[in-house]
Amino acid sequence: MKEQKVFADYLAEIGAWVLGIAMFVYLGYRTLDFLTFTFREEDAFFAYLGLFSTTVGAVIFAIIYSRSF
C-alpha cells in the first residue's frame, strides 16, 4: 500500500518546481545574453534561434531521460 503524502511532501514538490522554473528562466536569460553578445546586431535572429534550440533541446533531453527510468 502506498503511503499518503504529507504537507511537507507537497511543499517540497512545489519548491522543486519553483526552483526549476526560476533556474530555467535565469539560464535562458544568460544564454540569450551570451548569444546576443556573440552575434552581430544584424544576426540577432540567430541568437534567438540558438536560444530556442538549446531550450527545446534541454526540455527534450529531460523528457527522454525521465522516461528512460
N, C-alpha and C. Protein backbone atom coordinates (compact mmCIF):
# COMPACT_ATOMS: atom_id res chain seq x y z
N MET A 1 0.83 -1.17 0.00
CA MET A 1 0.00 0.00 0.00
C MET A 1 0.90 1.25 0.00
N LYS A 2 0.49 2.25 -0.78
CA LYS A 2 1.26 3.49 -0.84
C LYS A 2 0.99 4.35 0.38
N GLU A 3 2.05 5.02 0.82
CA GLU A 3 1.87 5.94 1.93
C GLU A 3 1.23 7.22 1.43
N GLN A 4 0.44 7.84 2.27
CA GLN A 4 -0.17 9.11 1.91
C GLN A 4 0.87 10.22 2.01
N LYS A 5 0.76 11.16 1.09
CA LYS A 5 1.67 12.30 1.15
C LYS A 5 1.27 13.23 2.28
N VAL A 6 2.26 13.76 2.94
CA VAL A 6 2.01 14.74 3.99
C VAL A 6 2.27 16.13 3.41
N PHE A 7 1.98 17.15 4.17
CA PHE A 7 2.11 18.52 3.72
C PHE A 7 3.54 18.83 3.28
N ALA A 8 4.52 18.30 3.97
CA ALA A 8 5.92 18.56 3.63
C ALA A 8 6.27 18.00 2.25
N ASP A 9 5.67 16.88 1.87
CA ASP A 9 5.92 16.32 0.55
C ASP A 9 5.41 17.25 -0.54
N TYR A 10 4.20 17.79 -0.34
CA TYR A 10 3.65 18.73 -1.31
C TYR A 10 4.47 20.02 -1.36
N LEU A 11 4.89 20.48 -0.22
CA LEU A 11 5.70 21.69 -0.16
C LEU A 11 7.04 21.49 -0.86
N ALA A 12 7.65 20.33 -0.67
CA ALA A 12 8.92 20.03 -1.33
C ALA A 12 8.75 19.95 -2.84
N GLU A 13 7.64 19.36 -3.29
CA GLU A 13 7.40 19.25 -4.72
C GLU A 13 7.16 20.63 -5.36
N ILE A 14 6.40 21.46 -4.70
CA ILE A 14 6.17 22.82 -5.21
C ILE A 14 7.48 23.60 -5.22
N GLY A 15 8.27 23.46 -4.17
CA GLY A 15 9.56 24.14 -4.11
C GLY A 15 10.50 23.71 -5.22
N ALA A 16 10.49 22.43 -5.53
CA ALA A 16 11.35 21.92 -6.61
C ALA A 16 10.90 22.49 -7.95
N TRP A 17 9.59 22.56 -8.18
CA TRP A 17 9.08 23.12 -9.44
C TRP A 17 9.42 24.61 -9.55
N VAL A 18 9.24 25.35 -8.47
CA VAL A 18 9.56 26.79 -8.49
C VAL A 18 11.04 27.01 -8.74
N LEU A 19 11.87 26.25 -8.07
CA LEU A 19 13.31 26.37 -8.27
C LEU A 19 13.70 26.00 -9.69
N GLY A 20 13.12 24.93 -10.22
CA GLY A 20 13.42 24.52 -11.59
C GLY A 20 13.02 25.57 -12.61
N ILE A 21 11.84 26.14 -12.45
CA ILE A 21 11.39 27.18 -13.38
C ILE A 21 12.26 28.43 -13.27
N ALA A 22 12.59 28.81 -12.05
CA ALA A 22 13.44 30.00 -11.86
C ALA A 22 14.82 29.79 -12.50
N MET A 23 15.39 28.62 -12.33
CA MET A 23 16.69 28.34 -12.93
C MET A 23 16.60 28.29 -14.45
N PHE A 24 15.51 27.74 -14.97
CA PHE A 24 15.30 27.66 -16.41
C PHE A 24 15.21 29.06 -17.02
N VAL A 25 14.48 29.96 -16.35
CA VAL A 25 14.36 31.34 -16.84
C VAL A 25 15.70 32.05 -16.74
N TYR A 26 16.39 31.90 -15.62
CA TYR A 26 17.68 32.56 -15.44
C TYR A 26 18.70 32.07 -16.48
N LEU A 27 18.80 30.78 -16.67
CA LEU A 27 19.76 30.25 -17.63
C LEU A 27 19.39 30.63 -19.07
N GLY A 28 18.10 30.72 -19.35
CA GLY A 28 17.68 31.19 -20.66
C GLY A 28 18.08 32.64 -20.88
N TYR A 29 17.92 33.46 -19.86
CA TYR A 29 18.33 34.87 -19.95
C TYR A 29 19.83 34.99 -20.17
N ARG A 30 20.60 34.22 -19.41
CA ARG A 30 22.06 34.28 -19.54
C ARG A 30 22.52 33.75 -20.90
N THR A 31 21.86 32.72 -21.41
CA THR A 31 22.20 32.18 -22.73
C THR A 31 21.91 33.20 -23.80
N LEU A 32 20.75 33.85 -23.72
CA LEU A 32 20.42 34.89 -24.70
C LEU A 32 21.39 36.05 -24.61
N ASP A 33 21.80 36.42 -23.42
CA ASP A 33 22.80 37.48 -23.25
C ASP A 33 24.11 37.10 -23.93
N PHE A 34 24.55 35.88 -23.72
CA PHE A 34 25.79 35.42 -24.35
C PHE A 34 25.66 35.40 -25.87
N LEU A 35 24.54 34.89 -26.37
CA LEU A 35 24.37 34.77 -27.82
C LEU A 35 24.25 36.14 -28.48
N THR A 36 23.56 37.08 -27.85
CA THR A 36 23.47 38.42 -28.44
C THR A 36 24.81 39.12 -28.38
N PHE A 37 25.64 38.81 -27.40
CA PHE A 37 26.99 39.36 -27.35
C PHE A 37 27.86 38.74 -28.44
N THR A 38 27.64 37.48 -28.74
CA THR A 38 28.46 36.76 -29.71
C THR A 38 28.13 37.15 -31.14
N PHE A 39 26.85 37.24 -31.46
CA PHE A 39 26.44 37.57 -32.82
C PHE A 39 26.38 39.08 -33.02
N ARG A 40 26.53 39.49 -34.30
CA ARG A 40 26.39 40.90 -34.62
C ARG A 40 24.92 41.29 -34.52
N GLU A 41 24.67 42.60 -34.55
CA GLU A 41 23.30 43.08 -34.39
C GLU A 41 22.40 42.63 -35.54
N GLU A 42 22.93 42.57 -36.74
CA GLU A 42 22.11 42.14 -37.88
C GLU A 42 21.86 40.63 -37.88
N ASP A 43 22.60 39.89 -37.06
CA ASP A 43 22.40 38.44 -36.93
C ASP A 43 21.68 38.08 -35.63
N ALA A 44 20.89 39.00 -35.11
CA ALA A 44 20.18 38.76 -33.84
C ALA A 44 19.22 37.59 -33.94
N PHE A 45 18.71 37.34 -35.14
CA PHE A 45 17.81 36.21 -35.35
C PHE A 45 18.49 34.89 -34.94
N PHE A 46 19.77 34.77 -35.23
CA PHE A 46 20.49 33.54 -34.89
C PHE A 46 20.66 33.38 -33.39
N ALA A 47 20.72 34.50 -32.66
CA ALA A 47 20.79 34.42 -31.21
C ALA A 47 19.51 33.82 -30.65
N TYR A 48 18.38 34.28 -31.15
CA TYR A 48 17.10 33.72 -30.69
C TYR A 48 16.91 32.29 -31.16
N LEU A 49 17.39 31.99 -32.35
CA LEU A 49 17.34 30.62 -32.84
C LEU A 49 18.20 29.71 -31.96
N GLY A 50 19.36 30.18 -31.56
CA GLY A 50 20.22 29.40 -30.65
C GLY A 50 19.58 29.22 -29.29
N LEU A 51 18.93 30.26 -28.79
CA LEU A 51 18.23 30.14 -27.50
C LEU A 51 17.10 29.12 -27.60
N PHE A 52 16.33 29.19 -28.68
CA PHE A 52 15.24 28.25 -28.88
C PHE A 52 15.75 26.82 -28.98
N SER A 53 16.81 26.62 -29.74
CA SER A 53 17.31 25.26 -29.93
C SER A 53 17.91 24.68 -28.64
N THR A 54 18.60 25.48 -27.87
CA THR A 54 19.15 24.96 -26.61
C THR A 54 18.06 24.71 -25.59
N THR A 55 17.05 25.58 -25.55
CA THR A 55 15.96 25.40 -24.61
C THR A 55 15.13 24.18 -24.96
N VAL A 56 14.76 24.07 -26.22
CA VAL A 56 13.97 22.91 -26.65
C VAL A 56 14.79 21.63 -26.51
N GLY A 57 16.08 21.71 -26.81
CA GLY A 57 16.95 20.54 -26.64
C GLY A 57 17.03 20.09 -25.20
N ALA A 58 17.09 21.04 -24.27
CA ALA A 58 17.14 20.68 -22.85
C ALA A 58 15.83 20.05 -22.39
N VAL A 59 14.72 20.58 -22.87
CA VAL A 59 13.42 20.01 -22.50
C VAL A 59 13.26 18.61 -23.07
N ILE A 60 13.62 18.43 -24.33
CA ILE A 60 13.52 17.10 -24.95
C ILE A 60 14.43 16.10 -24.24
N PHE A 61 15.64 16.53 -23.89
CA PHE A 61 16.55 15.64 -23.16
C PHE A 61 15.95 15.26 -21.81
N ALA A 62 15.36 16.20 -21.11
CA ALA A 62 14.77 15.90 -19.81
C ALA A 62 13.61 14.93 -19.93
N ILE A 63 12.80 15.09 -20.97
CA ILE A 63 11.68 14.18 -21.17
C ILE A 63 12.17 12.77 -21.49
N ILE A 64 13.16 12.67 -22.38
CA ILE A 64 13.70 11.35 -22.72
C ILE A 64 14.36 10.71 -21.50
N TYR A 65 15.11 11.49 -20.74
CA TYR A 65 15.79 10.96 -19.56
C TYR A 65 14.78 10.48 -18.51
N SER A 66 13.72 11.27 -18.32
CA SER A 66 12.75 10.88 -17.28
C SER A 66 11.96 9.65 -17.68
N ARG A 67 11.77 9.42 -18.96
CA ARG A 67 11.01 8.25 -19.41
C ARG A 67 11.90 7.00 -19.53
N SER A 68 13.21 7.18 -19.40
CA SER A 68 14.12 6.04 -19.53
C SER A 68 14.16 5.19 -18.27
N PHE A 69 13.80 5.76 -17.15
CA PHE A 69 13.93 5.05 -15.88
C PHE A 69 12.59 4.84 -15.23
